[in-house]
Amino acid sequence: MRKMTHFSRQLFGEDVAMVRSKLGHSFQQYQQNQSQPQVEVRDTKAEGDEPVCKVCLVNRVNTTILDCKHTCLCRGCAERILGGTRKCPVCRRAIVKGVDSVIIS
């Protein structure tokens, strides 16, 4: 068993609960901020010569696959693919890094 110093005894006492509660709260906020995109991207139907999602063939392209750099999906189809096959619909490469929303003007 390790010898405990005064600092470690203090740290393993009530201070641990306080540190955990503060870190837990901050970590939960961090997770919420990371799970929500900074700019909310909504799927909209493509019009005219706008690029169309390669999966649903209806919505405007607004998502890039980070692994292969294909910009070929709407957000809804990207979420379905991430929850399922996790493969790019163009090159079939495995999606490991995830996807990112883009704005195509």
PDB file of N, CA and C in Angstrom:
ATOM      1  N   MET A   1       0.842  -1.176   0.000  1.00  0.00           N
ATOM      2  CA  MET A   1       0.000   0.000   0.000  1.00  0.00           C
ATOM      3  C   MET A   1       0.887   1.239   0.000  1.00  0.00           C
ATOM      4  N   ARG A   2       0.464   2.264  -0.746  1.00  0.00           N
ATOM      5  CA  ARG A   2       1.238   3.492  -0.825  1.00  0.00           C
ATOM      6  C   ARG A   2       1.130   4.293   0.452  1.00  0.00           C
ATOM      7  N   LYS A   3       2.197   4.992   0.746  1.00  0.00           N
ATOM      8  CA  LYS A   3       2.206   5.886   1.891  1.00  0.00           C
ATOM      9  C   LYS A   3       1.481   7.167   1.478  1.00  0.00           C
ATOM     10  N   MET A   4       0.553   7.615   2.270  1.00  0.00           N
ATOM     11  CA  MET A   4      -0.223   8.798   1.927  1.00  0.00           C
ATOM     12  C   MET A   4       0.378  10.032   2.575  1.00  0.00           C
ATOM     13  N   THR A   5       0.550  11.040   1.782  1.00  0.00           N
ATOM     14  CA  THR A   5       1.029  12.318   2.300  1.00  0.00           C
ATOM     15  C   THR A   5      -0.161  13.110   2.821  1.00  0.00           C
ATOM     16  N   HIS A   6       0.129  14.198   3.468  1.00  0.00           N
ATOM     17  CA  HIS A   6      -0.942  15.062   3.972  1.00  0.00           C
ATOM     18  C   HIS A   6      -1.818  15.532   2.811  1.00  0.00           C
ATOM     19  N   PHE A   7      -1.191  15.898   1.696  1.00  0.00           N
ATOM     20  CA  PHE A   7      -1.950  16.376   0.530  1.00  0.00           C
ATOM     21  C   PHE A   7      -2.878  15.291   0.001  1.00  0.00           C
ATOM     22  N   SER A   8      -2.366  14.074  -0.134  1.00  0.00           N
ATOM     23  CA  SER A   8      -3.202  13.014  -0.675  1.00  0.00           C
ATOM     24  C   SER A   8      -4.328  12.641   0.293  1.00  0.00           C
ATOM     25  N   ARG A   9      -4.080  12.712   1.602  1.00  0.00           N
ATOM     26  CA  ARG A   9      -5.161  12.456   2.559  1.00  0.00           C
ATOM     27  C   ARG A   9      -6.249  13.502   2.407  1.00  0.00           C
ATOM     28  N   GLN A  10      -5.855  14.750   2.238  1.00  0.00           N
ATOM     29  CA  GLN A  10      -6.843  15.807   2.038  1.00  0.00           C
ATOM     30  C   GLN A  10      -7.600  15.581   0.741  1.00  0.00           C
ATOM     31  N   LEU A  11      -6.861  15.229  -0.286  1.00  0.00           N
ATOM     32  CA  LEU A  11      -7.472  15.045  -1.598  1.00  0.00           C
ATOM     33  C   LEU A  11      -8.456  13.889  -1.590  1.00  0.00           C
ATOM     34  N   PHE A  12      -8.160  12.840  -0.827  1.00  0.00           N
ATOM     35  CA  PHE A  12      -9.039  11.686  -0.782  1.00  0.00           C
ATOM     36  C   PHE A  12     -10.176  11.857   0.209  1.00  0.00           C
ATOM     37  N   GLY A  13     -10.268  12.988   0.830  1.00  0.00           N
ATOM     38  CA  GLY A  13     -11.346  13.227   1.779  1.00  0.00           C
ATOM     39  C   GLY A  13     -12.522  13.894   1.089  1.00  0.00           C
ATOM     40  N   GLU A  14     -13.081  14.881   1.745  1.00  0.00           N
ATOM     41  CA  GLU A  14     -14.245  15.588   1.237  1.00  0.00           C
ATOM     42  C   GLU A  14     -13.923  16.384  -0.024  1.00  0.00           C
ATOM     43  N   ASP A  15     -12.646  16.764  -0.185  1.00  0.00           N
ATOM     44  CA  ASP A  15     -12.265  17.530  -1.361  1.00  0.00           C
ATOM     45  C   ASP A  15     -12.524  16.762  -2.656  1.00  0.00           C
ATOM     46  N   VAL A  16     -12.394  15.464  -2.623  1.00  0.00           N
ATOM     47  CA  VAL A  16     -12.615  14.656  -3.815  1.00  0.00           C
ATOM     48  C   VAL A  16     -14.049  14.813  -4.304  1.00  0.00           C
ATOM     49  N   ALA A  17     -14.983  14.765  -3.393  1.00  0.00           N
ATOM     50  CA  ALA A  17     -16.389  14.917  -3.764  1.00  0.00           C
ATOM     51  C   ALA A  17     -16.628  16.278  -4.399  1.00  0.00           C
ATOM     52  N   MET A  18     -16.015  17.317  -3.827  1.00  0.00           N
ATOM     53  CA  MET A  18     -16.177  18.655  -4.380  1.00  0.00           C
ATOM     54  C   MET A  18     -15.559  18.744  -5.775  1.00  0.00           C
ATOM     55  N   VAL A  19     -14.351  18.210  -5.931  1.00  0.00           N
ATOM     56  CA  VAL A  19     -13.676  18.247  -7.233  1.00  0.00           C
ATOM     57  C   VAL A  19     -14.471  17.459  -8.257  1.00  0.00           C
ATOM     58  N   ARG A  20     -14.935  16.287  -7.869  1.00  0.00           N
ATOM     59  CA  ARG A  20     -15.728  15.469  -8.799  1.00  0.00           C
ATOM     60  C   ARG A  20     -17.004  16.183  -9.216  1.00  0.00           C
ATOM     61  N   SER A  21     -17.668  16.817  -8.269  1.00  0.00           N
ATOM     62  CA  SER A  21     -18.914  17.501  -8.620  1.00  0.00           C
ATOM     63  C   SER A  21     -18.637  18.665  -9.565  1.00  0.00           C
ATOM     64  N   LYS A  22     -17.552  19.408  -9.325  1.00  0.00           N
ATOM     65  CA  LYS A  22     -17.219  20.523 -10.217  1.00  0.00           C
ATOM     66  C   LYS A  22     -16.793  20.027 -11.584  1.00  0.00           C
ATOM     67  N   LEU A  23     -15.944  19.012 -11.615  1.00  0.00           N
ATOM     68  CA  LEU A  23     -15.502  18.468 -12.894  1.00  0.00           C
ATOM     69  C   LEU A  23     -16.650  17.809 -13.631  1.00  0.00           C
ATOM     70  N   GLY A  24     -17.476  17.104 -12.909  1.00  0.00           N
ATOM     71  CA  GLY A  24     -18.621  16.442 -13.534  1.00  0.00           C
ATOM     72  C   GLY A  24     -19.543  17.446 -14.193  1.00  0.00           C
ATOM     73  N   HIS A  25     -19.812  18.536 -13.506  1.00  0.00           N
ATOM     74  CA  HIS A  25     -20.677  19.572 -14.049  1.00  0.00           C
ATOM     75  C   HIS A  25     -20.048  20.204 -15.289  1.00  0.00           C
ATOM     76  N   SER A  26     -18.764  20.529 -15.203  1.00  0.00           N
ATOM     77  CA  SER A  26     -18.069  21.133 -16.336  1.00  0.00           C
ATOM     78  C   SER A  26     -17.995  20.158 -17.493  1.00  0.00           C
ATOM     79  N   PHE A  27     -17.732  18.886 -17.214  1.00  0.00           N
ATOM     80  CA  PHE A  27     -17.625  17.887 -18.265  1.00  0.00           C
ATOM     81  C   PHE A  27     -18.962  17.687 -18.958  1.00  0.00           C
ATOM     82  N   GLN A  28     -20.052  17.692 -18.186  1.00  0.00           N
ATOM     83  CA  GLN A  28     -21.379  17.559 -18.791  1.00  0.00           C
ATOM     84  C   GLN A  28     -21.660  18.738 -19.717  1.00  0.00           C
ATOM     85  N   GLN A  29     -21.309  19.947 -19.295  1.00  0.00           N
ATOM     86  CA  GLN A  29     -21.492  21.115 -20.155  1.00  0.00           C
ATOM     87  C   GLN A  29     -20.646  20.989 -21.411  1.00  0.00           C
ATOM     88  N   TYR A  30     -19.405  20.521 -21.256  1.00  0.00           N
ATOM     89  CA  TYR A  30     -18.516  20.336 -22.396  1.00  0.00           C
ATOM     90  C   TYR A  30     -19.108  19.336 -23.380  1.00  0.00           C
ATOM     91  N   GLN A  31     -19.626  18.212 -22.870  1.00  0.00           N
ATOM     92  CA  GLN A  31     -20.213  17.208 -23.740  1.00  0.00           C
ATOM     93  C   GLN A  31     -21.423  17.769 -24.478  1.00  0.00           C
ATOM     94  N   GLN A  32     -22.259  18.534 -23.790  1.00  0.00           N
ATOM     95  CA  GLN A  32     -23.425  19.114 -24.437  1.00  0.00           C
ATOM     96  C   GLN A  32     -23.001  20.085 -25.532  1.00  0.00           C
ATOM     97  N   ASN A  33     -21.989  20.887 -25.265  1.00  0.00           N
ATOM     98  CA  ASN A  33     -21.511  21.836 -26.264  1.00  0.00           C
ATOM     99  C   ASN A  33     -20.906  21.123 -27.460  1.00  0.00           C
ATOM    100  N   GLN A  34     -20.204  20.011 -27.233  1.00  0.00           N
ATOM    101  CA  GLN A  34     -19.575  19.283 -28.323  1.00  0.00           C
ATOM    102  C   GLN A  34     -20.595  18.520 -29.156  1.00  0.00           C
ATOM    103  N   SER A  35     -21.672  18.057 -28.534  1.00  0.00           N
ATOM    104  CA  SER A  35     -22.659  17.273 -29.269  1.00  0.00           C
ATOM    105  C   SER A  35     -23.588  18.147 -30.101  1.00  0.00           C
ATOM    106  N   GLN A  36     -23.633  19.436 -29.816  1.00  0.00           N
ATOM    107  CA  GLN A  36     -24.480  20.338 -30.578  1.00  0.00           C
ATOM    108  C   GLN A  36     -23.615  21.111 -31.568  1.00  0.00           C
ATOM    109  N   PRO A  37     -23.996  21.122 -32.846  1.00  0.00           N
ATOM    110  CA  PRO A  37     -23.202  21.876 -33.808  1.00  0.00           C
ATOM    111  C   PRO A  37     -23.257  23.374 -33.499  1.00  0.00           C
ATOM    112  N   GLN A  38     -22.172  24.075 -33.804  1.00  0.00           N
ATOM    113  CA  GLN A  38     -22.116  25.514 -33.567  1.00  0.00           C
ATOM    114  C   GLN A  38     -23.147  26.248 -34.422  1.00  0.00           C
ATOM    115  N   VAL A  39     -23.277  25.834 -35.669  1.00  0.00           N
ATOM    116  CA  VAL A  39     -24.290  26.389 -36.557  1.00  0.00           C
ATOM    117  C   VAL A  39     -25.248  25.256 -36.869  1.00  0.00           C
ATOM    118  N   GLU A  40     -26.499  25.454 -36.562  1.00  0.00           N
ATOM    119  CA  GLU A  40     -27.464  24.388 -36.799  1.00  0.00           C
ATOM    120  C   GLU A  40     -27.720  24.267 -38.295  1.00  0.00           C
ATOM    121  N   VAL A  41     -27.508  23.075 -38.817  1.00  0.00           N
ATOM    122  CA  VAL A  41     -27.714  22.813 -40.239  1.00  0.00           C
ATOM    123  C   VAL A  41     -28.994  22.015 -40.376  1.00  0.00           C
ATOM    124  N   ARG A  42     -29.906  22.537 -41.133  1.00  0.00           N
ATOM    125  CA  ARG A  42     -31.180  21.848 -41.359  1.00  0.00           C
ATOM    126  C   ARG A  42     -31.210  21.324 -42.790  1.00  0.00           C
ATOM    127  N   ASP A  43     -31.820  20.167 -42.951  1.00  0.00           N
ATOM    128  CA  ASP A  43     -31.958  19.616 -44.284  1.00  0.00           C
ATOM    129  C   ASP A  43     -33.042  20.373 -45.038  1.00  0.00           C
ATOM    130  N   THR A  44     -32.718  20.776 -46.232  1.00  0.00           N
ATOM    131  CA  THR A  44     -33.688  21.450 -47.095  1.00  0.00           C
ATOM    132  C   THR A  44     -33.631  20.797 -48.460  1.00  0.00           C
ATOM    133  N   LYS A  45     -34.734  20.840 -49.165  1.00  0.00           N
ATOM    134  CA  LYS A  45     -34.783  20.245 -50.490  1.00  0.00           C
ATOM    135  C   LYS A  45     -33.893  21.039 -51.440  1.00  0.00           C
ATOM    136  N   ALA A  46     -33.177  20.297 -52.265  1.00  0.00           N
ATOM    137  CA  ALA A  46     -32.300  20.926 -53.253  1.00  0.00           C
ATOM    138  C   ALA A  46     -33.147  21.534 -54.362  1.00  0.00           C
ATOM    139  N   GLU A  47     -32.715  22.686 -54.826  1.00  0.00           N
ATOM    140  CA  GLU A  47     -33.429  23.365 -55.908  1.00  0.00           C
ATOM    141  C   GLU A  47     -32.457  23.679 -57.026  1.00  0.00           C
ATOM    142  N   GLY A  48     -32.920  23.584 -58.251  1.00  0.00           N
ATOM    143  CA  GLY A  48     -32.085  23.948 -59.390  1.00  0.00           C
ATOM    144  C   GLY A  48     -30.852  23.080 -59.517  1.00  0.00           C
ATOM    145  N   ASP A  49     -29.697  23.742 -59.587  1.00  0.00           N
ATOM    146  CA  ASP A  49     -28.447  23.014 -59.800  1.00  0.00           C
ATOM    147  C   ASP A  49     -27.674  22.749 -58.499  1.00  0.00           C
ATOM    148  N   GLU A  50     -28.345  22.833 -57.345  1.00  0.00           N
ATOM    149  CA  GLU A  50     -27.692  22.557 -56.072  1.00  0.00           C
ATOM    150  C   GLU A  50     -27.345  21.070 -55.975  1.00  0.00           C
ATOM    151  N   PRO A  51     -26.204  20.753 -55.302  1.00  0.00           N
ATOM    152  CA  PRO A  51     -25.857  19.334 -55.142  1.00  0.00           C
ATOM    153  C   PRO A  51     -26.887  18.605 -54.276  1.00  0.00           C
ATOM    154  N   VAL A  52     -27.215  17.377 -54.662  1.00  0.00           N
ATOM    155  CA  VAL A  52     -28.245  16.587 -54.002  1.00  0.00           C
ATOM    156  C   VAL A  52     -27.587  15.447 -53.226  1.00  0.00           C
ATOM    157  N   CYS A  53     -28.138  15.135 -52.060  1.00  0.00           N
ATOM    158  CA  CYS A  53     -27.652  14.034 -51.225  1.00  0.00           C
ATOM    159  C   CYS A  53     -27.625  12.744 -52.041  1.00  0.00           C
ATOM    160  N   LYS A  54     -26.516  12.010 -51.956  1.00  0.00           N
ATOM    161  CA  LYS A  54     -26.350  10.776 -52.731  1.00  0.00           C
ATOM    162  C   LYS A  54     -27.133   9.605 -52.162  1.00  0.00           C
ATOM    163  N   VAL A  55     -27.730   9.780 -50.993  1.00  0.00           N
ATOM    164  CA  VAL A  55     -28.500   8.692 -50.393  1.00  0.00           C
ATOM    165  C   VAL A  55     -29.995   8.889 -50.632  1.00  0.00           C
ATOM    166  N   CYS A  56     -30.538  10.031 -50.204  1.00  0.00           N
ATOM    167  CA  CYS A  56     -31.986  10.240 -50.332  1.00  0.00           C
ATOM    168  C   CYS A  56     -32.376  10.862 -51.673  1.00  0.00           C
ATOM    169  N   LEU A  57     -31.433  11.481 -52.354  1.00  0.00           N
ATOM    170  CA  LEU A  57     -31.660  12.113 -53.658  1.00  0.00           C
ATOM    171  C   LEU A  57     -32.709  13.221 -53.617  1.00  0.00           C
ATOM    172  N   VAL A  58     -32.918  13.815 -52.440  1.00  0.00           N
ATOM    173  CA  VAL A  58     -33.909  14.883 -52.290  1.00  0.00           C
ATOM    174  C   VAL A  58     -33.301  16.129 -51.659  1.00  0.00           C
ATOM    175  N   ASN A  59     -32.621  15.944 -50.526  1.00  0.00           N
ATOM    176  CA  ASN A  59     -32.122  17.080 -49.757  1.00  0.00           C
ATOM    177  C   ASN A  59     -30.800  17.612 -50.293  1.00  0.00           C
ATOM    178  N   ARG A  60     -30.552  18.878 -49.950  1.00  0.00           N
ATOM    179  CA  ARG A  60     -29.308  19.554 -50.315  1.00  0.00           C
ATOM    180  C   ARG A  60     -28.133  18.946 -49.547  1.00  0.00           C
ATOM    181  N   VAL A  61     -26.981  18.830 -50.201  1.00  0.00           N
ATOM    182  CA  VAL A  61     -25.765  18.339 -49.555  1.00  0.00           C
ATOM    183  C   VAL A  61     -25.287  19.384 -48.560  1.00  0.00           C
ATOM    184  N   ASN A  62     -25.022  18.947 -47.304  1.00  0.00           N
ATOM    185  CA  ASN A  62     -24.515  19.877 -46.288  1.00  0.00           C
ATOM    186  C   ASN A  62     -23.590  19.199 -45.284  1.00  0.00           C
ATOM    187  N   THR A  63     -23.085  17.997 -45.634  1.00  0.00           N
ATOM    188  CA  THR A  63     -22.240  17.252 -44.711  1.00  0.00           C
ATOM    189  C   THR A  63     -21.067  16.614 -45.447  1.00  0.00           C
ATOM    190  N   THR A  64     -19.869  16.747 -44.853  1.00  0.00           N
ATOM    191  CA  THR A  64     -18.655  16.154 -45.405  1.00  0.00           C
ATOM    192  C   THR A  64     -18.201  15.007 -44.511  1.00  0.00           C
ATOM    193  N   ILE A  65     -17.762  13.927 -45.125  1.00  0.00           N
ATOM    194  CA  ILE A  65     -17.183  12.807 -44.386  1.00  0.00           C
ATOM    195  C   ILE A  65     -15.711  13.136 -44.183  1.00  0.00           C
ATOM    196  N   LEU A  66     -15.259  13.167 -42.941  1.00  0.00           N
ATOM    197  CA  LEU A  66     -13.907  13.609 -42.623  1.00  0.00           C
ATOM    198  C   LEU A  66     -12.830  12.637 -43.090  1.00  0.00           C
ATOM    199  N   ASP A  67     -13.126  11.360 -43.183  1.00  0.00           N
ATOM    200  CA  ASP A  67     -12.115  10.371 -43.570  1.00  0.00           C
ATOM    201  C   ASP A  67     -11.718  10.485 -45.047  1.00  0.00           C
ATOM    202  N   CYS A  68     -12.706  10.514 -45.935  1.00  0.00           N
ATOM    203  CA  CYS A  68     -12.417  10.518 -47.372  1.00  0.00           C
ATOM    204  C   CYS A  68     -12.660  11.883 -48.020  1.00  0.00           C
ATOM    205  N   LYS A  69     -13.203  12.835 -47.257  1.00  0.00           N
ATOM    206  CA  LYS A  69     -13.464  14.204 -47.712  1.00  0.00           C
ATOM    207  C   LYS A  69     -14.588  14.311 -48.746  1.00  0.00           C
ATOM    208  N   HIS A  70     -15.419  13.281 -48.882  1.00  0.00           N
ATOM    209  CA  HIS A  70     -16.559  13.386 -49.791  1.00  0.00           C
ATOM    210  C   HIS A  70     -17.642  14.255 -49.153  1.00  0.00           C
ATOM    211  N   THR A  71     -18.094  15.240 -49.880  1.00  0.00           N
ATOM    212  CA  THR A  71     -19.212  16.090 -49.459  1.00  0.00           C
ATOM    213  C   THR A  71     -20.405  15.617 -50.274  1.00  0.00           C
ATOM    214  N   CYS A  72     -21.164  14.686 -49.699  1.00  0.00           N
ATOM    215  CA  CYS A  72     -22.170  14.007 -50.507  1.00  0.00           C
ATOM    216  C   CYS A  72     -23.465  13.691 -49.773  1.00  0.00           C
ATOM    217  N   LEU A  73     -23.616  14.154 -48.535  1.00  0.00           N
ATOM    218  CA  LEU A  73     -24.766  13.763 -47.726  1.00  0.00           C
ATOM    219  C   LEU A  73     -25.512  14.952 -47.141  1.00  0.00           C
ATOM    220  N   CYS A  74     -26.812  14.756 -46.870  1.00  0.00           N
ATOM    221  CA  CYS A  74     -27.549  15.702 -46.036  1.00  0.00           C
ATOM    222  C   CYS A  74     -27.327  15.265 -44.589  1.00  0.00           C
ATOM    223  N   ARG A  75     -27.660  16.103 -43.648  1.00  0.00           N
ATOM    224  CA  ARG A  75     -27.407  15.799 -42.236  1.00  0.00           C
ATOM    225  C   ARG A  75     -28.182  14.562 -41.772  1.00  0.00           C
ATOM    226  N   GLY A  76     -29.424  14.439 -42.198  1.00  0.00           N
ATOM    227  CA  GLY A  76     -30.252  13.301 -41.783  1.00  0.00           C
ATOM    228  C   GLY A  76     -29.681  11.975 -42.243  1.00  0.00           C
ATOM    229  N   CYS A  77     -29.254  11.902 -43.494  1.00  0.00           N
ATOM    230  CA  CYS A  77     -28.666  10.663 -44.015  1.00  0.00           C
ATOM    231  C   CYS A  77     -27.318  10.384 -43.360  1.00  0.00           C
ATOM    232  N   ALA A  78     -26.550  11.435 -43.068  1.00  0.00           N
ATOM    233  CA  ALA A  78     -25.262  11.257 -42.390  1.00  0.00           C
ATOM    234  C   ALA A  78     -25.473  10.624 -41.023  1.00  0.00           C
ATOM    235  N   GLU A  79     -26.486  11.080 -40.279  1.00  0.00           N
ATOM    236  CA  GLU A  79     -26.771  10.515 -38.964  1.00  0.00           C
ATOM    237  C   GLU A  79     -27.199   9.053 -39.066  1.00  0.00           C
ATOM    238  N   ARG A  80     -28.001   8.732 -40.106  1.00  0.00           N
ATOM    239  CA  ARG A  80     -28.427   7.346 -40.294  1.00  0.00           C
ATOM    240  C   ARG A  80     -27.237   6.449 -40.642  1.00  0.00           C
ATOM    241  N   ILE A  81     -26.338   6.937 -41.490  1.00  0.00           N
ATOM    242  CA  ILE A  81     -25.167   6.146 -41.868  1.00  0.00           C
ATOM    243  C   ILE A  81     -24.239   5.956 -40.671  1.00  0.00           C
ATOM    244  N   LEU A  82     -24.054   7.005 -39.854  1.00  0.00           N
ATOM    245  CA  LEU A  82     -23.208   6.877 -38.666  1.00  0.00           C
ATOM    246  C   LEU A  82     -23.783   5.878 -37.669  1.00  0.00           C
ATOM    247  N   GLY A  83     -25.086   5.753 -37.647  1.00  0.00           N
ATOM    248  CA  GLY A  83     -25.732   4.797 -36.752  1.00  0.00           C
ATOM    249  C   GLY A  83     -25.848   3.404 -37.349  1.00  0.00           C
ATOM    250  N   GLY A  84     -25.458   3.263 -38.614  1.00  0.00           N
ATOM    251  CA  GLY A  84     -25.595   1.967 -39.287  1.00  0.00           C
ATOM    252  C   GLY A  84     -24.288   1.462 -39.866  1.00  0.00           C
ATOM    253  N   THR A  85     -24.162   1.534 -41.181  1.00  0.00           N
ATOM    254  CA  THR A  85     -23.020   0.938 -41.883  1.00  0.00           C
ATOM    255  C   THR A  85     -21.693   1.638 -41.630  1.00  0.00           C
ATOM    256  N   ARG A  86     -21.728   2.956 -41.358  1.00  0.00           N
ATOM    257  CA  ARG A  86     -20.521   3.767 -41.153  1.00  0.00           C
ATOM    258  C   ARG A  86     -19.568   3.668 -42.342  1.00  0.00           C
ATOM    259  N   LYS A  87     -20.138   3.673 -43.560  1.00  0.00           N
ATOM    260  CA  LYS A  87     -19.328   3.656 -44.781  1.00  0.00           C
ATOM    261  C   LYS A  87     -19.783   4.766 -45.707  1.00  0.00           C
ATOM    262  N   CYS A  88     -18.812   5.379 -46.383  1.00  0.00           N
ATOM    263  CA  CYS A  88     -19.112   6.442 -47.337  1.00  0.00           C
ATOM    264  C   CYS A  88     -19.937   5.858 -48.481  1.00  0.00           C
ATOM    265  N   PRO A  89     -21.041   6.513 -48.869  1.00  0.00           N
ATOM    266  CA  PRO A  89     -21.855   5.978 -49.960  1.00  0.00           C
ATOM    267  C   PRO A  89     -21.179   6.111 -51.328  1.00  0.00           C
ATOM    268  N   VAL A  90     -20.127   6.919 -51.438  1.00  0.00           N
ATOM    269  CA  VAL A  90     -19.440   7.091 -52.716  1.00  0.00           C
ATOM    270  C   VAL A  90     -18.311   6.073 -52.875  1.00  0.00           C
ATOM    271  N   CYS A  91     -17.387   6.026 -51.896  1.00  0.00           N
ATOM    272  CA  CYS A  91     -16.205   5.163 -52.031  1.00  0.00           C
ATOM    273  C   CYS A  91     -16.238   3.937 -51.123  1.00  0.00           C
ATOM    274  N   ARG A  92     -17.233   3.828 -50.246  1.00  0.00           N
ATOM    275  CA  ARG A  92     -17.408   2.719 -49.306  1.00  0.00           C
ATOM    276  C   ARG A  92     -16.311   2.617 -48.261  1.00  0.00           C
ATOM    277  N   ARG A  93     -15.518   3.672 -48.085  1.00  0.00           N
ATOM    278  CA  ARG A  93     -14.472   3.697 -47.067  1.00  0.00           C
ATOM    279  C   ARG A  93     -15.134   3.801 -45.688  1.00  0.00           C
ATOM    280  N   ALA A  94     -14.550   3.157 -44.694  1.00  0.00           N
ATOM    281  CA  ALA A  94     -15.087   3.196 -43.332  1.00  0.00           C
ATOM    282  C   ALA A  94     -15.010   4.620 -42.783  1.00  0.00           C
ATOM    283  N   ILE A  95     -16.057   5.034 -42.092  1.00  0.00           N
ATOM    284  CA  ILE A  95     -16.093   6.354 -41.465  1.00  0.00           C
ATOM    285  C   ILE A  95     -15.645   6.178 -40.020  1.00  0.00           C
ATOM    286  N   VAL A  96     -14.443   6.666 -39.715  1.00  0.00           N
ATOM    287  CA  VAL A  96     -13.877   6.550 -38.379  1.00  0.00           C
ATOM    288  C   VAL A  96     -13.887   7.913 -37.696  1.00  0.00           C
ATOM    289  N   LYS A  97     -13.441   8.941 -38.417  1.00  0.00           N
ATOM    290  CA  LYS A  97     -13.318  10.279 -37.838  1.00  0.00           C
ATOM    291  C   LYS A  97     -14.653  10.976 -37.676  1.00  0.00           C
ATOM    292  N   GLY A  98     -15.649  10.600 -38.457  1.00  0.00           N
ATOM    293  CA  GLY A  98     -16.964  11.222 -38.345  1.00  0.00           C
ATOM    294  C   GLY A  98     -17.279  12.118 -39.519  1.00  0.00           C
ATOM    295  N   VAL A  99     -18.228  13.024 -39.301  1.00  0.00           N
ATOM    296  CA  VAL A  99     -18.684  13.926 -40.346  1.00  0.00           C
ATOM    297  C   VAL A  99     -18.687  15.355 -39.816  1.00  0.00           C
ATOM    298  N   ASP A 100     -18.740  16.303 -40.738  1.00  0.00           N
ATOM    299  CA  ASP A 100     -18.785  17.708 -40.348  1.00  0.00           C
ATOM    300  C   ASP A 100     -19.763  18.430 -41.248  1.00  0.00           C
ATOM    301  N   SER A 101     -20.518  19.341 -40.683  1.00  0.00           N
ATOM    302  CA  SER A 101     -21.481  20.118 -41.457  1.00  0.00           C
ATOM    303  C   SER A 101     -20.772  21.205 -42.235  1.00  0.00           C
ATOM    304  N   VAL A 102     -21.217  21.429 -43.458  1.00  0.00           N
ATOM    305  CA  VAL A 102     -20.654  22.480 -44.297  1.00  0.00           C
ATOM    306  C   VAL A 102     -21.800  23.296 -44.878  1.00  0.00           C
ATOM    307  N   ILE A 103     -21.481  24.500 -45.248  1.00  0.00           N
ATOM    308  CA  ILE A 103     -22.465  25.354 -45.900  1.00  0.00           C
ATOM    309  C   ILE A 103     -21.986  25.574 -47.327  1.00  0.00           C
ATOM    310  N   ILE A 104     -22.769  25.118 -48.281  1.00  0.00           N
ATOM    311  CA  ILE A 104     -22.424  25.282 -49.693  1.00  0.00           C
ATOM    312  C   ILE A 104     -23.291  26.390 -50.248  1.00  0.00           C
ATOM    313  N   SER A 105     -22.634  27.424 -50.747  1.00  0.00           N
ATOM    314  CA  SER A 105     -23.426  28.541 -51.289  1.00  0.00           C
ATOM    315  C   SER A 105     -23.345  28.580 -52.795  1.00  0.00           C
TER     316      SER A 105
END
